[in-house]
Amino acid sequence: MPRLLLLGSLWLLAAPPASNIFQRPTGTPAPPRLQYLLEPLHTAVHTQRGATATLPCVLRALPQNYRVKWSKVEPANYRENVIIITNGLYHKNYGPLSPRVRLRHSHRYDASLTITDVALEDEGRYRCQLVNGLEDESVSLTLHLEGVVFPYQPSNGRYKFNYHEAKRACEQQDSRLATYQQLYKAWTEGLDWCNAGWVIDGTVHYPIINSREPCGGRLLLPGVRTYGARDKQKDRFDAFCFTSALRGQVYFIRGHLNFKEASQACRNHGATIAKVGQLYSAWKFSQLDRCDGGWLADGSVRYPITTPRQRCGGLPDPGVRSFGFPSKELRTYGTYCFTGK
C-alpha cells in the first residue's frame, strides 16, 4: 500500500494558460480593482440536477469594442473550456454545454449565464471574463449541486478500479466521480469509510469520523485521509461517486426473486431496475425508507433507511445498507425499480 499522508474575430479568442486561471503565485500583487464588472454578491450558486441555474455577471458600464467570455475549468485536468462569447450584439456557444446555455440578458448590462437542465458534470468553477484590450477583468463563480456521495466497489472486491474504471463505474450507476470538495462535505455530514477511493481530480482519499486501528490508527484525529495523486493507469482503489436529485421515482416491489426475475418485474411495470446512484438519490431527496433488501442493476442488494431502528440493521445512523453481491440465482429479495418522468 502506498505511503499514507495526512492531510474574426469574436470566435477566435484564446483561453489563458490553465495554471493561471483562478489563483496567482504567492507574493504577486492582487489584481486591480474591477472597473467594468460588478463583484457578485455571492460567488457560489446552489442548485440540483434538472434545475435551471444562473451564474451572475453584470457590467457597470459598457466599454468600446468589448467581449465577454464565459468558460469552465474541468477538475480532471484543470483546463479552461470556453462556453460562450458575446460582444453584446451577437454570441456563439461552444462545447458540450452549448445546447443548454444562454445569456440571461435581462438588460443591456447583463451578461449572466443561464444553464438549463443542470447535469452532474456541470458542477464546478466558472469564469466570466470581460476582454477589453489591456483592461481585461474577470469574476469567478462556483456552481454547487446538492447531492450525496457514496463509496462504490465492484462485485469482485475492493481496490479493483484504476482511475478510468472508477470513472466509468460511477457513470454506470447514474452518478459521477465526486470532487474532493464533495467528499469533504460528505465527511462533515458523517461519511465514515475505511477504504480509499478515487475522486475526479485523480487523487485518492478516505473519510474517517471514528478513528480506529485499521483506518490509520486510533491516535489520528478524524479527517479525510489522503494518498495524494496516484497513477491513473496502474494504481487501484475504490471510487467515491456523487449523485443529485432524480427526475423520476424509485419504488420497491416485494417478492422472492432472483436477479433476472427482479429485472423482469421492473420491466413488467414499465420501469427499469434501479441503479445504485438512483437509490441513494431517492434516499437523500425523497426520504425513501424501507427495511427490505432489493436487487439493483449492478447485481448488489441494498436497502435505504432514513429512520434507524433496531429491526432494520440496528445501526444508529441513516444510510443505504448493503448485503453486497449475493448469487444472482438466489431467490430471497425483492427489487428496486426506477421510472423516469
Foldseek 3Di string as FASTA:
>chain_A
DFDWDDDVVQPPDDDDDLVPDPDDDPPDDDDDDDDWWDADPAQEAEEAAQAKTKGWIFTPDQDPPKKKWKWFQQLQPSDTGTAKMDNLPDMDGDDPQNVFWDAPCPDSRTRMIMGGRDAQRVFHKMKIWMDDPPNIDIYMHTYHYDWAKDWDDAQVDWFPAFQVRQQVVLVVQQWGFAAVVRVQVNLVVPAADQWWAAHNNQWIWGFHCQADDSRPHNPDHGDIITPTHDDRPPGTGITITIHTAAQWDKDWDWFQAFQVVQQVVQVVVVWGFHGPRNQRNCCVPVVAADLFWAAHPSQWTKGWHCCDDCSRVHDHHGDIGTPRHDPSRGRHGITMTIDGD
